[in-house]
Amino acid sequence: MITTAGNDQHSICYEVHQKAKDVLEGRKIDSTFYPVIYGAEEDDDWTDPKSGRKQIHHLELQLILKKLNKHVKVRNKTQLRKTCLDSYD
């Protein structure tokens, strides 16, 4: 799940964000949950470009995943065409 915690402490996004913090900080143990948090700290000034740099890794990851997903789709289509053509040989 990629999301923002938001400021509504009753939302599912906030709940998952809090669980992620609890697991990362050792307050909870859940071997089926692998949290990664990129973002500014609560006391950071969100208008400061230095705070924005903390989120860059998240944005870079999104771009990498998007490119990978596109590559996999192209590869799967190519493989599908090859399989279909091979079946008529």
PDB file of N, CA and C in Angstrom:
ATOM      1  N   MET A   1       0.853  -1.164   0.000  1.00  0.00           N
ATOM      2  CA  MET A   1       0.000   0.000   0.000  1.00  0.00           C
ATOM      3  C   MET A   1       0.899   1.227   0.000  1.00  0.00           C
ATOM      4  N   ILE A   2       0.649   2.129  -0.899  1.00  0.00           N
ATOM      5  CA  ILE A   2       1.338   3.407  -0.908  1.00  0.00           C
ATOM      6  C   ILE A   2       0.279   4.457  -0.649  1.00  0.00           C
ATOM      7  N   THR A   3       0.470   5.223   0.426  1.00  0.00           N
ATOM      8  CA  THR A   3      -0.537   6.197   0.815  1.00  0.00           C
ATOM      9  C   THR A   3       0.090   7.275   1.678  1.00  0.00           C
ATOM     10  N   THR A   4      -0.694   8.270   1.979  1.00  0.00           N
ATOM     11  CA  THR A   4      -0.291   9.265   2.961  1.00  0.00           C
ATOM     12  C   THR A   4      -1.122   9.022   4.210  1.00  0.00           C
ATOM     13  N   ALA A   5      -0.568   9.356   5.352  1.00  0.00           N
ATOM     14  CA  ALA A   5      -1.298   9.137   6.596  1.00  0.00           C
ATOM     15  C   ALA A   5      -2.464  10.106   6.724  1.00  0.00           C
ATOM     16  N   GLY A   6      -2.299  11.293   6.146  1.00  0.00           N
ATOM     17  CA  GLY A   6      -3.355  12.293   6.260  1.00  0.00           C
ATOM     18  C   GLY A   6      -3.437  12.836   7.674  1.00  0.00           C
ATOM     19  N   ASN A   7      -4.467  13.589   7.941  1.00  0.00           N
ATOM     20  CA  ASN A   7      -4.618  14.138   9.291  1.00  0.00           C
ATOM     21  C   ASN A   7      -5.887  13.641   9.983  1.00  0.00           C
ATOM     22  N   ASP A   8      -6.632  12.768   9.335  1.00  0.00           N
ATOM     23  CA  ASP A   8      -7.827  12.168   9.933  1.00  0.00           C
ATOM     24  C   ASP A   8      -7.402  10.910  10.687  1.00  0.00           C
ATOM     25  N   GLN A   9      -7.372  11.004  12.001  1.00  0.00           N
ATOM     26  CA  GLN A   9      -6.881   9.884  12.810  1.00  0.00           C
ATOM     27  C   GLN A   9      -7.861   8.720  12.861  1.00  0.00           C
ATOM     28  N   HIS A  10      -8.968   8.819  12.153  1.00  0.00           N
ATOM     29  CA  HIS A  10      -9.941   7.729  12.122  1.00  0.00           C
ATOM     30  C   HIS A  10      -9.988   7.058  10.748  1.00  0.00           C
ATOM     31  N   SER A  11      -9.050   7.396   9.871  1.00  0.00           N
ATOM     32  CA  SER A  11      -9.053   6.811   8.527  1.00  0.00           C
ATOM     33  C   SER A  11      -8.212   5.538   8.494  1.00  0.00           C
ATOM     34  N   ILE A  12      -8.459   4.692   7.507  1.00  0.00           N
ATOM     35  CA  ILE A  12      -7.685   3.463   7.344  1.00  0.00           C
ATOM     36  C   ILE A  12      -6.227   3.795   7.026  1.00  0.00           C
ATOM     37  N   CYS A  13      -6.003   4.875   6.289  1.00  0.00           N
ATOM     38  CA  CYS A  13      -4.626   5.262   5.952  1.00  0.00           C
ATOM     39  C   CYS A  13      -3.837   5.611   7.207  1.00  0.00           C
ATOM     40  N   TYR A  14      -4.452   6.358   8.097  1.00  0.00           N
ATOM     41  CA  TYR A  14      -3.783   6.705   9.352  1.00  0.00           C
ATOM     42  C   TYR A  14      -3.534   5.447  10.186  1.00  0.00           C
ATOM     43  N   GLU A  15      -4.506   4.559  10.198  1.00  0.00           N
ATOM     44  CA  GLU A  15      -4.383   3.313  10.966  1.00  0.00           C
ATOM     45  C   GLU A  15      -3.209   2.469  10.461  1.00  0.00           C
ATOM     46  N   VAL A  16      -3.081   2.343   9.145  1.00  0.00           N
ATOM     47  CA  VAL A  16      -1.981   1.564   8.566  1.00  0.00           C
ATOM     48  C   VAL A  16      -0.648   2.267   8.811  1.00  0.00           C
ATOM     49  N   HIS A  17      -0.633   3.588   8.693  1.00  0.00           N
ATOM     50  CA  HIS A  17       0.587   4.358   8.954  1.00  0.00           C
ATOM     51  C   HIS A  17       1.035   4.161  10.402  1.00  0.00           C
ATOM     52  N   GLN A  18       0.089   4.212  11.331  1.00  0.00           N
ATOM     53  CA  GLN A  18       0.420   4.038  12.746  1.00  0.00           C
ATOM     54  C   GLN A  18       0.929   2.622  13.014  1.00  0.00           C
ATOM     55  N   LYS A  19       0.319   1.632  12.372  1.00  0.00           N
ATOM     56  CA  LYS A  19       0.789   0.252  12.530  1.00  0.00           C
ATOM     57  C   LYS A  19       2.221   0.139  12.006  1.00  0.00           C
ATOM     58  N   ALA A  20       2.489   0.777  10.874  1.00  0.00           N
ATOM     59  CA  ALA A  20       3.840   0.754  10.311  1.00  0.00           C
ATOM     60  C   ALA A  20       4.841   1.350  11.290  1.00  0.00           C
ATOM     61  N   LYS A  21       4.500   2.479  11.884  1.00  0.00           N
ATOM     62  CA  LYS A  21       5.393   3.104  12.872  1.00  0.00           C
ATOM     63  C   LYS A  21       5.588   2.189  14.075  1.00  0.00           C
ATOM     64  N   ASP A  22       4.509   1.562  14.528  1.00  0.00           N
ATOM     65  CA  ASP A  22       4.599   0.669  15.689  1.00  0.00           C
ATOM     66  C   ASP A  22       5.506  -0.521  15.409  1.00  0.00           C
ATOM     67  N   VAL A  23       5.404  -1.101  14.219  1.00  0.00           N
ATOM     68  CA  VAL A  23       6.257  -2.238  13.850  1.00  0.00           C
ATOM     69  C   VAL A  23       7.712  -1.779  13.733  1.00  0.00           C
ATOM     70  N   LEU A  24       7.929  -0.662  13.061  1.00  0.00           N
ATOM     71  CA  LEU A  24       9.296  -0.160  12.880  1.00  0.00           C
ATOM     72  C   LEU A  24       9.956   0.195  14.206  1.00  0.00           C
ATOM     73  N   GLU A  25       9.181   0.706  15.148  1.00  0.00           N
ATOM     74  CA  GLU A  25       9.731   1.129  16.433  1.00  0.00           C
ATOM     75  C   GLU A  25       9.662   0.031  17.489  1.00  0.00           C
ATOM     76  N   GLY A  26       9.233  -1.183  17.089  1.00  0.00           N
ATOM     77  CA  GLY A  26       9.254  -2.335  17.989  1.00  0.00           C
ATOM     78  C   GLY A  26       8.109  -2.439  18.966  1.00  0.00           C
ATOM     79  N   ARG A  27       7.092  -1.614  18.844  1.00  0.00           N
ATOM     80  CA  ARG A  27       5.948  -1.703  19.753  1.00  0.00           C
ATOM     81  C   ARG A  27       5.008  -2.841  19.380  1.00  0.00           C
ATOM     82  N   LYS A  28       5.059  -3.264  18.092  1.00  0.00           N
ATOM     83  CA  LYS A  28       4.256  -4.386  17.609  1.00  0.00           C
ATOM     84  C   LYS A  28       5.152  -5.307  16.804  1.00  0.00           C
ATOM     85  N   ILE A  29       4.792  -6.572  16.774  1.00  0.00           N
ATOM     86  CA  ILE A  29       5.502  -7.545  15.947  1.00  0.00           C
ATOM     87  C   ILE A  29       4.486  -8.169  15.000  1.00  0.00           C
ATOM     88  N   ASP A  30       4.799  -8.099  13.713  1.00  0.00           N
ATOM     89  CA  ASP A  30       3.933  -8.686  12.695  1.00  0.00           C
ATOM     90  C   ASP A  30       4.822  -9.111  11.534  1.00  0.00           C
ATOM     91  N   SER A  31       5.111 -10.394  11.454  1.00  0.00           N
ATOM     92  CA  SER A  31       6.031 -10.894  10.424  1.00  0.00           C
ATOM     93  C   SER A  31       5.410 -10.876   9.024  1.00  0.00           C
ATOM     94  N   THR A  32       4.116 -10.599   8.934  1.00  0.00           N
ATOM     95  CA  THR A  32       3.465 -10.539   7.616  1.00  0.00           C
ATOM     96  C   THR A  32       3.360  -9.112   7.092  1.00  0.00           C
ATOM     97  N   PHE A  33       3.874  -8.168   7.854  1.00  0.00           N
ATOM     98  CA  PHE A  33       3.744  -6.749   7.519  1.00  0.00           C
ATOM     99  C   PHE A  33       5.136  -6.153   7.400  1.00  0.00           C
ATOM    100  N   TYR A  34       5.459  -5.628   6.211  1.00  0.00           N
ATOM    101  CA  TYR A  34       6.780  -5.039   5.969  1.00  0.00           C
ATOM    102  C   TYR A  34       6.621  -3.546   5.694  1.00  0.00           C
ATOM    103  N   PRO A  35       6.742  -2.739   6.747  1.00  0.00           N
ATOM    104  CA  PRO A  35       6.524  -1.304   6.557  1.00  0.00           C
ATOM    105  C   PRO A  35       7.777  -0.562   6.099  1.00  0.00           C
ATOM    106  N   VAL A  36       7.568   0.406   5.229  1.00  0.00           N
ATOM    107  CA  VAL A  36       8.598   1.345   4.822  1.00  0.00           C
ATOM    108  C   VAL A  36       7.924   2.706   4.794  1.00  0.00           C
ATOM    109  N   ILE A  37       8.498   3.657   5.497  1.00  0.00           N
ATOM    110  CA  ILE A  37       7.904   4.991   5.554  1.00  0.00           C
ATOM    111  C   ILE A  37       8.906   6.000   5.014  1.00  0.00           C
ATOM    112  N   TYR A  38       8.485   6.751   4.008  1.00  0.00           N
ATOM    113  CA  TYR A  38       9.257   7.877   3.499  1.00  0.00           C
ATOM    114  C   TYR A  38       8.426   9.124   3.751  1.00  0.00           C
ATOM    115  N   GLY A  39       8.992  10.093   4.404  1.00  0.00           N
ATOM    116  CA  GLY A  39       8.234  11.319   4.597  1.00  0.00           C
ATOM    117  C   GLY A  39       8.840  12.212   5.648  1.00  0.00           C
ATOM    118  N   ALA A  40       8.287  13.379   5.720  1.00  0.00           N
ATOM    119  CA  ALA A  40       8.729  14.362   6.702  1.00  0.00           C
ATOM    120  C   ALA A  40       8.246  13.950   8.089  1.00  0.00           C
ATOM    121  N   GLU A  41       8.979  14.375   9.087  1.00  0.00           N
ATOM    122  CA  GLU A  41       8.570  14.142  10.474  1.00  0.00           C
ATOM    123  C   GLU A  41       7.457  15.127  10.822  1.00  0.00           C
ATOM    124  N   GLU A  42       6.716  14.836  11.872  1.00  0.00           N
ATOM    125  CA  GLU A  42       5.601  15.694  12.259  1.00  0.00           C
ATOM    126  C   GLU A  42       6.035  17.124  12.541  1.00  0.00           C
ATOM    127  N   ASP A  43       7.231  17.306  13.100  1.00  0.00           N
ATOM    128  CA  ASP A  43       7.675  18.651  13.449  1.00  0.00           C
ATOM    129  C   ASP A  43       8.457  19.338  12.324  1.00  0.00           C
ATOM    130  N   ASP A  44       8.603  18.674  11.168  1.00  0.00           N
ATOM    131  CA  ASP A  44       9.265  19.293  10.013  1.00  0.00           C
ATOM    132  C   ASP A  44       8.363  20.344   9.380  1.00  0.00           C
ATOM    133  N   ASP A  45       8.973  21.373   8.832  1.00  0.00           N
ATOM    134  CA  ASP A  45       8.240  22.394   8.086  1.00  0.00           C
ATOM    135  C   ASP A  45       8.008  21.862   6.684  1.00  0.00           C
ATOM    136  N   TRP A  46       6.761  21.561   6.335  1.00  0.00           N
ATOM    137  CA  TRP A  46       6.470  20.942   5.038  1.00  0.00           C
ATOM    138  C   TRP A  46       6.783  21.870   3.866  1.00  0.00           C
ATOM    139  N   THR A  47       6.942  23.174   4.132  1.00  0.00           N
ATOM    140  CA  THR A  47       7.282  24.108   3.059  1.00  0.00           C
ATOM    141  C   THR A  47       8.783  24.182   2.803  1.00  0.00           C
ATOM    142  N   ASP A  48       9.580  23.578   3.681  1.00  0.00           N
ATOM    143  CA  ASP A  48      11.038  23.578   3.540  1.00  0.00           C
ATOM    144  C   ASP A  48      11.445  22.501   2.532  1.00  0.00           C
ATOM    145  N   PRO A  49      12.201  22.874   1.484  1.00  0.00           N
ATOM    146  CA  PRO A  49      12.619  21.879   0.487  1.00  0.00           C
ATOM    147  C   PRO A  49      13.378  20.691   1.082  1.00  0.00           C
ATOM    148  N   LYS A  50      14.049  20.888   2.202  1.00  0.00           N
ATOM    149  CA  LYS A  50      14.764  19.783   2.848  1.00  0.00           C
ATOM    150  C   LYS A  50      13.782  18.702   3.317  1.00  0.00           C
ATOM    151  N   SER A  51      12.605  19.115   3.743  1.00  0.00           N
ATOM    152  CA  SER A  51      11.585  18.139   4.145  1.00  0.00           C
ATOM    153  C   SER A  51      11.092  17.365   2.933  1.00  0.00           C
ATOM    154  N   GLY A  52      10.966  18.042   1.810  1.00  0.00           N
ATOM    155  CA  GLY A  52      10.532  17.387   0.580  1.00  0.00           C
ATOM    156  C   GLY A  52      11.520  16.332   0.105  1.00  0.00           C
ATOM    157  N   ARG A  53      12.818  16.545   0.355  1.00  0.00           N
ATOM    158  CA  ARG A  53      13.832  15.577  -0.057  1.00  0.00           C
ATOM    159  C   ARG A  53      13.631  14.231   0.631  1.00  0.00           C
ATOM    160  N   LYS A  54      13.047  14.231   1.804  1.00  0.00           N
ATOM    161  CA  LYS A  54      12.809  12.973   2.528  1.00  0.00           C
ATOM    162  C   LYS A  54      11.814  12.092   1.780  1.00  0.00           C
ATOM    163  N   GLN A  55      11.006  12.719   0.924  1.00  0.00           N
ATOM    164  CA  GLN A  55       9.991  11.962   0.198  1.00  0.00           C
ATOM    165  C   GLN A  55      10.441  11.580  -1.205  1.00  0.00           C
ATOM    166  N   ILE A  56      11.573  12.085  -1.639  1.00  0.00           N
ATOM    167  CA  ILE A  56      12.057  11.828  -2.991  1.00  0.00           C
ATOM    168  C   ILE A  56      12.241  10.329  -3.231  1.00  0.00           C
ATOM    169  N   HIS A  57      12.738   9.611  -2.245  1.00  0.00           N
ATOM    170  CA  HIS A  57      12.934   8.165  -2.419  1.00  0.00           C
ATOM    171  C   HIS A  57      11.627   7.484  -2.783  1.00  0.00           C
ATOM    172  N   HIS A  58      10.551   7.915  -2.164  1.00  0.00           N
ATOM    173  CA  HIS A  58       9.229   7.359  -2.452  1.00  0.00           C
ATOM    174  C   HIS A  58       8.845   7.646  -3.903  1.00  0.00           C
ATOM    175  N   LEU A  59       9.091   8.863  -4.357  1.00  0.00           N
ATOM    176  CA  LEU A  59       8.748   9.228  -5.727  1.00  0.00           C
ATOM    177  C   LEU A  59       9.607   8.457  -6.723  1.00  0.00           C
ATOM    178  N   GLU A  60      10.897   8.300  -6.406  1.00  0.00           N
ATOM    179  CA  GLU A  60      11.777   7.537  -7.284  1.00  0.00           C
ATOM    180  C   GLU A  60      11.326   6.082  -7.360  1.00  0.00           C
ATOM    181  N   LEU A  61      10.921   5.533  -6.238  1.00  0.00           N
ATOM    182  CA  LEU A  61      10.438   4.154  -6.202  1.00  0.00           C
ATOM    183  C   LEU A  61       9.195   4.001  -7.070  1.00  0.00           C
ATOM    184  N   GLN A  62       8.293   4.967  -7.004  1.00  0.00           N
ATOM    185  CA  GLN A  62       7.091   4.904  -7.835  1.00  0.00           C
ATOM    186  C   GLN A  62       7.457   4.890  -9.311  1.00  0.00           C
ATOM    187  N   LEU A  63       8.416   5.716  -9.710  1.00  0.00           N
ATOM    188  CA  LEU A  63       8.837   5.760 -11.110  1.00  0.00           C
ATOM    189  C   LEU A  63       9.467   4.442 -11.537  1.00  0.00           C
ATOM    190  N   ILE A  64      10.302   3.868 -10.673  1.00  0.00           N
ATOM    191  CA  ILE A  64      10.939   2.585 -10.979  1.00  0.00           C
ATOM    192  C   ILE A  64       9.881   1.498 -11.135  1.00  0.00           C
ATOM    193  N   LEU A  65       8.924   1.458 -10.224  1.00  0.00           N
ATOM    194  CA  LEU A  65       7.869   0.443 -10.293  1.00  0.00           C
ATOM    195  C   LEU A  65       7.015   0.618 -11.540  1.00  0.00           C
ATOM    196  N   LYS A  66       6.752   1.854 -11.913  1.00  0.00           N
ATOM    197  CA  LYS A  66       5.959   2.116 -13.116  1.00  0.00           C
ATOM    198  C   LYS A  66       6.698   1.612 -14.357  1.00  0.00           C
ATOM    199  N   LYS A  67       8.017   1.892 -14.432  1.00  0.00           N
ATOM    200  CA  LYS A  67       8.809   1.425 -15.565  1.00  0.00           C
ATOM    201  C   LYS A  67       8.885  -0.097 -15.585  1.00  0.00           C
ATOM    202  N   LEU A  68       9.071  -0.702 -14.420  1.00  0.00           N
ATOM    203  CA  LEU A  68       9.149  -2.152 -14.324  1.00  0.00           C
ATOM    204  C   LEU A  68       7.839  -2.787 -14.756  1.00  0.00           C
ATOM    205  N   ASN A  69       6.733  -2.232 -14.292  1.00  0.00           N
ATOM    206  CA  ASN A  69       5.420  -2.752 -14.655  1.00  0.00           C
ATOM    207  C   ASN A  69       5.214  -2.670 -16.167  1.00  0.00           C
ATOM    208  N   LYS A  70       5.618  -1.566 -16.772  1.00  0.00           N
ATOM    209  CA  LYS A  70       5.491  -1.410 -18.219  1.00  0.00           C
ATOM    210  C   LYS A  70       6.344  -2.452 -18.939  1.00  0.00           C
ATOM    211  N   HIS A  71       7.573  -2.668 -18.450  1.00  0.00           N
ATOM    212  CA  HIS A  71       8.470  -3.650 -19.050  1.00  0.00           C
ATOM    213  C   HIS A  71       7.877  -5.056 -18.960  1.00  0.00           C
ATOM    214  N   VAL A  72       7.313  -5.382 -17.809  1.00  0.00           N
ATOM    215  CA  VAL A  72       6.717  -6.711 -17.609  1.00  0.00           C
ATOM    216  C   VAL A  72       5.531  -6.896 -18.544  1.00  0.00           C
ATOM    217  N   LYS A  73       4.702  -5.872 -18.703  1.00  0.00           N
ATOM    218  CA  LYS A  73       3.551  -5.980 -19.601  1.00  0.00           C
ATOM    219  C   LYS A  73       4.010  -6.205 -21.037  1.00  0.00           C
ATOM    220  N   VAL A  74       5.023  -5.451 -21.476  1.00  0.00           N
ATOM    221  CA  VAL A  74       5.545  -5.611 -22.833  1.00  0.00           C
ATOM    222  C   VAL A  74       6.126  -7.001 -22.999  1.00  0.00           C
ATOM    223  N   ARG A  75       6.893  -7.448 -22.011  1.00  0.00           N
ATOM    224  CA  ARG A  75       7.501  -8.779 -22.081  1.00  0.00           C
ATOM    225  C   ARG A  75       6.426  -9.857 -22.124  1.00  0.00           C
ATOM    226  N   ASN A  76       5.397  -9.699 -21.302  1.00  0.00           N
ATOM    227  CA  ASN A  76       4.315 -10.684 -21.286  1.00  0.00           C
ATOM    228  C   ASN A  76       3.583 -10.724 -22.620  1.00  0.00           C
ATOM    229  N   LYS A  77       3.359  -9.572 -23.236  1.00  0.00           N
ATOM    230  CA  LYS A  77       2.695  -9.540 -24.543  1.00  0.00           C
ATOM    231  C   LYS A  77       3.576 -10.198 -25.598  1.00  0.00           C
ATOM    232  N   THR A  78       4.882  -9.917 -25.533  1.00  0.00           N
ATOM    233  CA  THR A  78       5.817 -10.513 -26.485  1.00  0.00           C
ATOM    234  C   THR A  78       5.836 -12.027 -26.312  1.00  0.00           C
ATOM    235  N   GLN A  79       5.873 -12.477 -25.066  1.00  0.00           N
ATOM    236  CA  GLN A  79       5.879 -13.916 -24.787  1.00  0.00           C
ATOM    237  C   GLN A  79       4.570 -14.552 -25.236  1.00  0.00           C
ATOM    238  N   LEU A  80       3.468 -13.849 -25.027  1.00  0.00           N
ATOM    239  CA  LEU A  80       2.167 -14.370 -25.442  1.00  0.00           C
ATOM    240  C   LEU A  80       2.116 -14.526 -26.965  1.00  0.00           C
ATOM    241  N   ARG A  81       2.610 -13.512 -27.679  1.00  0.00           N
ATOM    242  CA  ARG A  81       2.634 -13.606 -29.141  1.00  0.00           C
ATOM    243  C   ARG A  81       3.498 -14.775 -29.595  1.00  0.00           C
ATOM    244  N   LYS A  82       4.671 -14.913 -28.975  1.00  0.00           N
ATOM    245  CA  LYS A  82       5.584 -15.993 -29.337  1.00  0.00           C
ATOM    246  C   LYS A  82       4.933 -17.344 -29.073  1.00  0.00           C
ATOM    247  N   THR A  83       4.287 -17.481 -27.938  1.00  0.00           N
ATOM    248  CA  THR A  83       3.626 -18.753 -27.595  1.00  0.00           C
ATOM    249  C   THR A  83       2.508 -19.060 -28.582  1.00  0.00           C
ATOM    250  N   CYS A  84       1.744 -18.056 -28.935  1.00  0.00           N
ATOM    251  CA  CYS A  84       0.647 -18.251 -29.886  1.00  0.00           C
ATOM    252  C   CYS A  84       1.194 -18.643 -31.255  1.00  0.00           C
ATOM    253  N   LEU A  85       2.235 -17.961 -31.693  1.00  0.00           N
ATOM    254  CA  LEU A  85       2.824 -18.269 -33.001  1.00  0.00           C
ATOM    255  C   LEU A  85       3.460 -19.659 -32.995  1.00  0.00           C
ATOM    256  N   ASP A  86       4.131 -20.025 -31.899  1.00  0.00           N
ATOM    257  CA  ASP A  86       4.767 -21.337 -31.794  1.00  0.00           C
ATOM    258  C   ASP A  86       3.742 -22.453 -31.848  1.00  0.00           C
ATOM    259  N   SER A  87       2.545 -22.199 -31.345  1.00  0.00           N
ATOM    260  CA  SER A  87       1.532 -23.243 -31.309  1.00  0.00           C
ATOM    261  C   SER A  87       1.003 -23.572 -32.717  1.00  0.00           C
ATOM    262  N   TYR A  88       1.233 -22.676 -33.686  1.00  0.00           N
ATOM    263  CA  TYR A  88       0.790 -22.924 -35.052  1.00  0.00           C
ATOM    264  C   TYR A  88       1.880 -23.507 -35.936  1.00  0.00           C
ATOM    265  N   ASP A  89       3.080 -23.719 -35.405  1.00  0.00           N
ATOM    266  CA  ASP A  89       4.182 -24.312 -36.184  1.00  0.00           C
ATOM    267  C   ASP A  89       4.007 -25.800 -36.342  1.00  0.00           C
TER     268      ASP A  89
END
